[in-house]
Protein backbone atom coordinates (compact mmCIF):
# COMPACT_ATOMS: atom_id res chain seq x y z
CA UNK A 1 -26.80 4.72 6.84
CA UNK A 2 -27.28 2.70 10.03
CA UNK A 3 -30.22 0.33 9.92
CA UNK A 4 -32.30 -0.08 13.08
CA UNK A 5 -33.98 -3.30 14.20
CA UNK A 6 -36.39 -4.02 17.04
CA UNK A 7 -36.33 -7.68 18.11
CA UNK A 8 -39.17 -8.67 20.42
CA UNK A 9 -38.41 -11.81 22.37
CA UNK A 10 -34.77 -11.11 21.57
CA UNK A 11 -33.43 -12.71 24.76
CA UNK A 12 -34.83 -16.10 23.76
CA UNK A 13 -33.29 -18.93 21.76
CA UNK A 14 -33.85 -17.74 18.19
CA UNK A 15 -34.17 -14.10 19.19
CA UNK A 16 -30.70 -13.92 20.73
CA UNK A 17 -29.09 -15.53 17.68
CA UNK A 18 -30.95 -13.09 15.43
CA UNK A 19 -29.83 -10.16 17.60
CA UNK A 20 -26.24 -11.42 17.34
CA UNK A 21 -26.40 -11.58 13.55
CA UNK A 22 -27.89 -8.08 13.38
CA UNK A 23 -25.25 -6.64 15.70
CA UNK A 24 -22.44 -8.25 13.71
CA UNK A 25 -23.92 -6.94 10.47
CA UNK A 26 -23.87 -3.39 11.82
CA UNK A 27 -27.54 -2.95 12.69
CA UNK A 28 -28.50 -0.77 15.66
CA UNK A 29 -30.36 -3.47 17.59
CA UNK A 30 -32.93 -3.00 20.36
CA UNK A 31 -34.26 -6.04 22.19
CA UNK A 32 -37.64 -5.97 23.93
CA UNK A 33 -38.24 -8.91 26.26
CA UNK A 34 -39.83 -9.69 29.61
CA UNK A 35 -37.30 -12.53 30.12
CA UNK A 36 -40.07 -14.94 31.12
CA UNK A 37 -38.51 -17.53 28.81
CA UNK A 38 -35.26 -16.00 27.58
CA UNK A 39 -32.15 -14.92 29.44
CA UNK A 40 -29.94 -11.86 29.19
CA UNK A 41 -27.07 -14.27 29.79
CA UNK A 42 -27.57 -15.43 26.20
CA UNK A 43 -25.96 -12.19 25.05
CA UNK A 44 -22.87 -12.93 27.12
CA UNK A 45 -22.55 -16.32 25.41
CA UNK A 46 -22.93 -14.73 21.97
CA UNK A 47 -20.60 -11.83 22.75
CA UNK A 48 -23.01 -8.98 22.00
CA UNK A 49 -24.40 -5.99 23.89
CA UNK A 50 -27.68 -4.91 22.31
CA UNK A 51 -29.85 -2.28 23.94
CA UNK A 52 -32.42 -4.11 26.07
CA UNK A 53 -35.83 -2.79 27.14
CA UNK A 54 -37.99 -4.77 29.57
CA UNK A 55 -41.65 -5.02 28.55
CA UNK A 56 -44.55 -7.45 28.58
CA UNK A 57 -46.05 -7.10 25.11
CA UNK A 58 -49.38 -8.58 26.14
CA UNK A 59 -49.87 -5.18 27.82
CA UNK A 60 -51.27 -2.74 25.22
CA UNK A 61 -49.26 0.10 26.80
CA UNK A 62 -45.93 -1.73 26.65
CA UNK A 63 -44.60 0.29 23.70
CA UNK A 64 -46.44 3.57 24.40
CA UNK A 65 -43.35 5.27 25.74
CA UNK A 66 -41.15 4.36 22.81
CA UNK A 67 -38.42 6.94 22.37
CA UNK A 68 -35.80 7.46 19.74
CA UNK A 69 -35.89 6.69 16.01
CA UNK A 70 -38.49 4.33 14.58
CA UNK A 71 -36.98 0.94 13.66
CA UNK A 72 -36.56 0.04 10.01
CA UNK A 73 -37.67 -3.52 10.80
CA UNK A 74 -39.50 -5.21 13.65
CA UNK A 75 -38.71 -8.89 14.10
CA UNK A 76 -41.57 -10.03 16.33
CA UNK A 77 -40.38 -13.20 18.06
CA UNK A 78 -42.09 -12.65 21.43
CA UNK A 79 -44.68 -15.30 22.19
CA UNK A 80 -45.25 -18.88 23.22
CA UNK A 81 -43.28 -21.69 21.58
CA UNK A 82 -44.53 -24.73 23.46
CA UNK A 83 -47.20 -27.00 21.97
CA UNK A 84 -47.65 -29.19 25.05
CA UNK A 85 -47.97 -26.19 27.37
CA UNK A 86 -50.51 -24.58 25.05
CA UNK A 87 -52.71 -27.66 25.44
CA UNK A 88 -52.45 -27.38 29.23
CA UNK A 89 -52.78 -23.56 29.37
CA UNK A 90 -54.55 -22.29 26.22
CA UNK A 91 -55.40 -18.87 27.67
CA UNK A 92 -51.78 -18.18 28.62
CA UNK A 93 -50.74 -19.18 25.11
CA UNK A 94 -53.32 -16.78 23.65
CA UNK A 95 -52.03 -13.89 25.78
CA UNK A 96 -48.38 -14.57 24.95
CA UNK A 97 -48.81 -15.02 21.20
CA UNK A 98 -51.94 -13.48 19.77
CA UNK A 99 -52.52 -10.49 22.04
CA UNK A 100 -48.85 -9.46 21.92
CA UNK A 101 -48.82 -9.74 18.12
CA UNK A 102 -51.81 -7.43 17.74
CA UNK A 103 -50.17 -4.86 20.02
CA UNK A 104 -46.95 -4.95 17.99
CA UNK A 105 -48.87 -4.65 14.71
CA UNK A 106 -50.68 -1.60 16.08
CA UNK A 107 -47.39 -0.04 17.13
CA UNK A 108 -45.98 -0.65 13.65
CA UNK A 109 -49.08 0.82 11.98
CA UNK A 110 -49.25 3.93 14.17
CA UNK A 111 -45.54 4.67 13.99
CA UNK A 112 -45.08 3.90 10.29
CA UNK A 113 -42.57 1.06 10.70
CA UNK A 114 -41.44 0.11 7.16
CA UNK A 115 -41.22 -3.68 7.69
CA UNK A 116 -42.32 -6.40 10.13
CA UNK A 117 -41.27 -10.06 10.06
CA UNK A 118 -43.37 -12.55 12.02
CA UNK A 119 -42.21 -16.11 12.81
CA UNK A 120 -45.00 -18.65 12.56
CA UNK A 121 -44.81 -22.42 12.57
CA UNK A 122 -45.44 -25.64 10.69
CA UNK A 123 -48.10 -26.31 13.34
CA UNK A 124 -50.53 -24.13 11.37
CA UNK A 125 -50.86 -26.87 8.73
CA UNK A 126 -53.46 -29.62 8.79
CA UNK A 127 -52.00 -32.90 10.10
CA UNK A 128 -51.78 -35.65 7.52
CA UNK A 129 -51.28 -33.43 4.46
CA UNK A 130 -48.90 -34.85 1.83
CA UNK A 131 -45.20 -34.29 2.47
CA UNK A 132 -43.29 -32.12 1.84
CA UNK A 133 -45.67 -29.41 3.02
CA UNK A 134 -46.04 -26.42 0.73
CA UNK A 135 -47.33 -22.99 1.71
CA UNK A 136 -50.59 -23.72 -0.11
CA UNK A 137 -51.36 -26.76 2.09
CA UNK A 138 -54.61 -26.61 4.11
CA UNK A 139 -54.40 -24.56 7.31
CA UNK A 140 -55.95 -26.42 10.25
CA UNK A 141 -54.17 -26.14 13.60
CA UNK A 142 -54.12 -29.19 15.86
CA UNK A 143 -53.14 -27.38 19.08
CA UNK A 144 -53.88 -24.05 20.78
CA UNK A 145 -50.31 -23.05 19.97
CA UNK A 146 -50.95 -23.60 16.27
CA UNK A 147 -54.34 -21.89 16.50
CA UNK A 148 -52.79 -18.75 18.03
CA UNK A 149 -50.17 -18.68 15.28
CA UNK A 150 -52.86 -19.06 12.58
CA UNK A 151 -54.79 -16.14 14.06
CA UNK A 152 -51.62 -14.05 14.39
CA UNK A 153 -50.75 -14.78 10.75
CA UNK A 154 -54.21 -13.66 9.69
CA UNK A 155 -53.83 -10.39 11.60
CA UNK A 156 -50.49 -9.88 9.82
CA UNK A 157 -52.13 -10.45 6.44
CA UNK A 158 -55.07 -8.20 7.40
CA UNK A 159 -52.72 -5.36 8.36
CA UNK A 160 -50.88 -5.81 5.08
CA UNK A 161 -54.16 -5.56 3.13
CA UNK A 162 -56.03 -2.98 5.21
CA UNK A 163 -53.19 -0.63 6.14
CA UNK A 164 -50.43 -1.36 3.63
CA UNK A 165 -48.12 -2.63 6.37
CA UNK A 166 -45.23 -4.59 4.85
CA UNK A 167 -45.45 -7.83 6.83
CA UNK A 168 -43.75 -11.11 5.94
CA UNK A 169 -44.57 -14.40 7.71
CA UNK A 170 -42.01 -17.19 8.15
CA UNK A 171 -43.31 -20.68 8.97
CA UNK A 172 -40.49 -22.42 10.80
CA UNK A 173 -40.21 -26.15 11.12
CA UNK A 174 -37.86 -27.55 13.83
CA UNK A 175 -34.96 -25.25 14.78
CA UNK A 176 -32.07 -26.41 16.97
CA UNK A 177 -28.71 -25.14 18.19
CA UNK A 178 -26.84 -23.63 21.14
CA UNK A 179 -29.03 -21.79 23.67
CA UNK A 180 -31.97 -24.17 23.15
CA UNK A 181 -33.55 -25.09 26.48
CA UNK A 182 -36.38 -27.39 25.38
CA UNK A 183 -37.41 -29.89 22.71
CA UNK A 184 -36.16 -33.36 21.82
CA UNK A 185 -32.42 -32.82 21.34
CA UNK A 186 -32.13 -30.83 24.57
CA UNK A 187 -34.22 -33.32 26.54
CA UNK A 188 -32.32 -36.34 25.23
CA UNK A 189 -28.93 -34.91 26.16
CA UNK A 190 -30.21 -34.33 29.69
CA UNK A 191 -31.61 -37.88 29.89
CA UNK A 192 -28.34 -39.38 28.67
CA UNK A 193 -26.39 -37.36 31.21
CA UNK A 194 -28.55 -38.87 33.94
CA UNK A 195 -28.52 -42.42 32.55
CA UNK A 196 -26.13 -43.18 29.64
CA UNK A 197 -27.42 -46.76 29.32
CA UNK A 198 -30.89 -45.99 27.93
CA UNK A 199 -32.79 -43.25 26.11
CA UNK A 200 -36.57 -43.02 26.30
CA UNK A 201 -38.16 -41.21 23.32
CA UNK A 202 -41.78 -40.16 22.87
CA UNK A 203 -43.95 -41.95 20.32
CA UNK A 204 -42.92 -44.96 18.25
CA UNK A 205 -39.67 -43.54 16.91
CA UNK A 206 -41.01 -43.47 13.36
CA UNK A 207 -42.10 -39.82 13.51
CA UNK A 208 -40.45 -37.64 10.87
CA UNK A 209 -39.19 -34.10 11.34
CA UNK A 210 -36.60 -31.81 9.78
CA UNK A 211 -34.01 -29.69 11.58
CA UNK A 212 -32.66 -26.25 10.73
CA UNK A 213 -29.63 -24.89 12.58
CA UNK A 214 -30.36 -21.70 14.47
CA UNK A 215 -27.73 -19.62 12.61
CA UNK A 216 -29.51 -20.46 9.36
CA UNK A 217 -32.84 -19.53 10.96
CA UNK A 218 -31.39 -16.10 11.82
CA UNK A 219 -30.25 -15.67 8.23
CA UNK A 220 -33.79 -16.43 7.05
CA UNK A 221 -35.10 -13.53 9.13
CA UNK A 222 -32.69 -11.10 7.49
CA UNK A 223 -33.54 -12.40 4.03
CA UNK A 224 -37.25 -11.94 4.77
CA UNK A 225 -36.61 -8.39 5.92
CA UNK A 226 -34.73 -7.54 2.74
CA UNK A 227 -36.59 -9.54 0.09
CA UNK A 228 -39.75 -11.04 1.61
CA UNK A 229 -43.02 -10.11 -0.05
CA UNK A 230 -45.64 -8.07 1.80
CA UNK A 231 -48.46 -10.32 2.96
CA UNK A 232 -46.53 -13.45 1.93
CA UNK A 233 -45.75 -16.60 3.94
CA UNK A 234 -42.63 -18.73 3.47
CA UNK A 235 -41.71 -22.14 4.84
CA UNK A 236 -38.32 -22.13 6.57
CA UNK A 237 -36.40 -25.38 6.91
CA UNK A 238 -34.04 -27.72 5.15
CA UNK A 239 -36.61 -29.89 3.40
CA UNK A 240 -34.60 -32.94 4.51
CA UNK A 241 -36.67 -35.44 6.54
CA UNK A 242 -35.13 -37.08 9.61
CA UNK A 243 -36.71 -40.03 11.41
CA UNK A 244 -36.84 -39.53 15.18
CA UNK A 245 -35.28 -42.92 15.88
CA UNK A 246 -32.35 -41.99 13.62
CA UNK A 247 -32.05 -38.60 15.31
CA UNK A 248 -31.81 -40.32 18.67
CA UNK A 249 -28.91 -42.43 17.40
CA UNK A 250 -27.14 -39.32 16.08
CA UNK A 251 -27.48 -37.62 19.47
CA UNK A 252 -26.07 -40.71 21.18
CA UNK A 253 -23.15 -40.73 18.75
CA UNK A 254 -22.52 -37.00 19.28
CA UNK A 255 -22.46 -37.68 23.03
CA UNK A 256 -19.71 -40.25 22.46
CA UNK A 257 -21.79 -43.09 23.92
CA UNK A 258 -22.13 -46.73 22.88
CA UNK A 259 -24.55 -49.53 23.72
CA UNK A 260 -27.44 -47.19 24.56
CA UNK A 261 -30.92 -48.73 24.39
CA UNK A 262 -33.44 -46.53 22.58
CA UNK A 263 -36.85 -47.11 24.14
CA UNK A 264 -39.94 -45.58 22.45
CA UNK A 265 -42.78 -44.85 24.86
CA UNK A 266 -45.42 -45.44 22.16
CA UNK A 267 -47.21 -42.36 23.57
CA UNK A 268 -46.99 -38.64 22.92
CA UNK A 269 -48.78 -35.40 23.83
CA UNK A 270 -52.09 -34.15 22.39
CA UNK A 271 -51.46 -32.05 19.30
CA UNK A 272 -48.35 -33.97 18.23
CA UNK A 273 -48.18 -35.08 14.58
CA UNK A 274 -46.49 -38.02 12.91
CA UNK A 275 -44.64 -36.22 10.10
CA UNK A 276 -43.58 -32.67 9.25
CA UNK A 277 -41.06 -31.55 6.67
CA UNK A 278 -41.17 -28.61 4.32
CA UNK A 279 -41.24 -27.71 0.70
CA UNK A 280 -38.81 -24.78 0.87
CA UNK A 281 -38.77 -23.84 -2.83
CA UNK A 282 -40.54 -20.51 -2.30
CA UNK A 283 -37.90 -19.23 0.14
CA UNK A 284 -35.12 -20.68 -2.01
CA UNK A 285 -36.30 -18.43 -4.84
CA UNK A 286 -35.40 -15.48 -2.61
CA UNK A 287 -31.90 -16.89 -2.32
CA UNK A 288 -32.10 -18.96 0.87
CA UNK A 289 -30.04 -22.13 1.32
CA UNK A 290 -28.95 -23.60 4.69
CA UNK A 291 -25.21 -23.29 5.29
CA UNK A 292 -24.74 -25.51 8.35
CA UNK A 293 -24.94 -29.27 7.79
CA UNK A 294 -26.95 -31.37 10.22
CA UNK A 295 -24.03 -33.37 11.63
CA UNK A 296 -21.98 -30.22 12.23
CA UNK A 297 -24.91 -28.40 13.80
CA UNK A 298 -25.74 -31.33 16.03
CA UNK A 299 -22.13 -31.56 17.27
CA UNK A 300 -22.18 -27.85 18.12
CA UNK A 301 -25.50 -28.21 19.91
CA UNK A 302 -24.54 -31.26 21.95
CA UNK A 303 -21.24 -29.65 22.94
CA UNK A 304 -23.15 -26.61 24.22
CA UNK A 305 -25.76 -28.70 26.05
CA UNK A 306 -23.18 -30.91 27.75
CA UNK A 307 -21.54 -27.88 29.39
CA UNK A 308 -23.78 -24.81 29.08
CA UNK A 309 -22.16 -21.52 30.13
CA UNK A 310 -23.02 -19.54 33.23
CA UNK A 311 -26.47 -17.99 32.62
CA UNK A 312 -25.71 -14.96 34.81
CA UNK A 313 -27.44 -11.74 33.70
CA UNK A 314 -25.57 -9.57 31.25
CA UNK A 315 -24.08 -6.50 33.00
């Protein structure tokens, strides 16, 4: 029997990779996206042709005219993914993330969708908690982006409890890979292309993060759809901490450069935190283990960023 998936935000970075994995695994895949952040050209790069429906999910009527079979799973990736922008434009972040999530949950409830998977973020956790962060760590967002994700999580849990909707939440830490258009690795490659003699990095360089390759992130979505508990949250990452200064050196090496000065600014944006890396034992018990090593993933990413393909719309 053919399985059907609806991927909101499926033209974006993670959404397009998830759509590609679904298509290759034989799922009938429908992407809903307003392309405000994603690009239909991502499907050309990945070699897939999912059905695409244009819709702004902050509009409560966006899915009213849904035709055809009800999806077996909704992967709800539509929403904001920019901490700094959420600080500058908190209302826009609310509309993109929280309002759209409630509309998708209502659609799933009314239409009897069997499963919904919602991607949240490490930004829901209270800064300064002991590392690695477990799912039972205190929830205390430090940015409007994190606050919208906390609220969206709580609506997911409420729909699981009140209506029996099978919703699983995934709390992603840093995800990287081809098609990324923002964040540190992307920005550093662009800086080094402009000036290969120096690399300015935010903060003091001692910040700690962890990095999960986007193909592994897509696999985590499928695992959550098949085995994730209703009303449960799972950290998604590698659990391997990486110091930002060391990451910068790895990017420089992957670029094939030598003698580059790494210059910390000693400043960052409001809502940034000094250290984030995950305790991933709960997801590992479902059978998850990253397959792509960091050095391999970084080489793939830098190669893509150095010469990104033509972003022309998919025919």
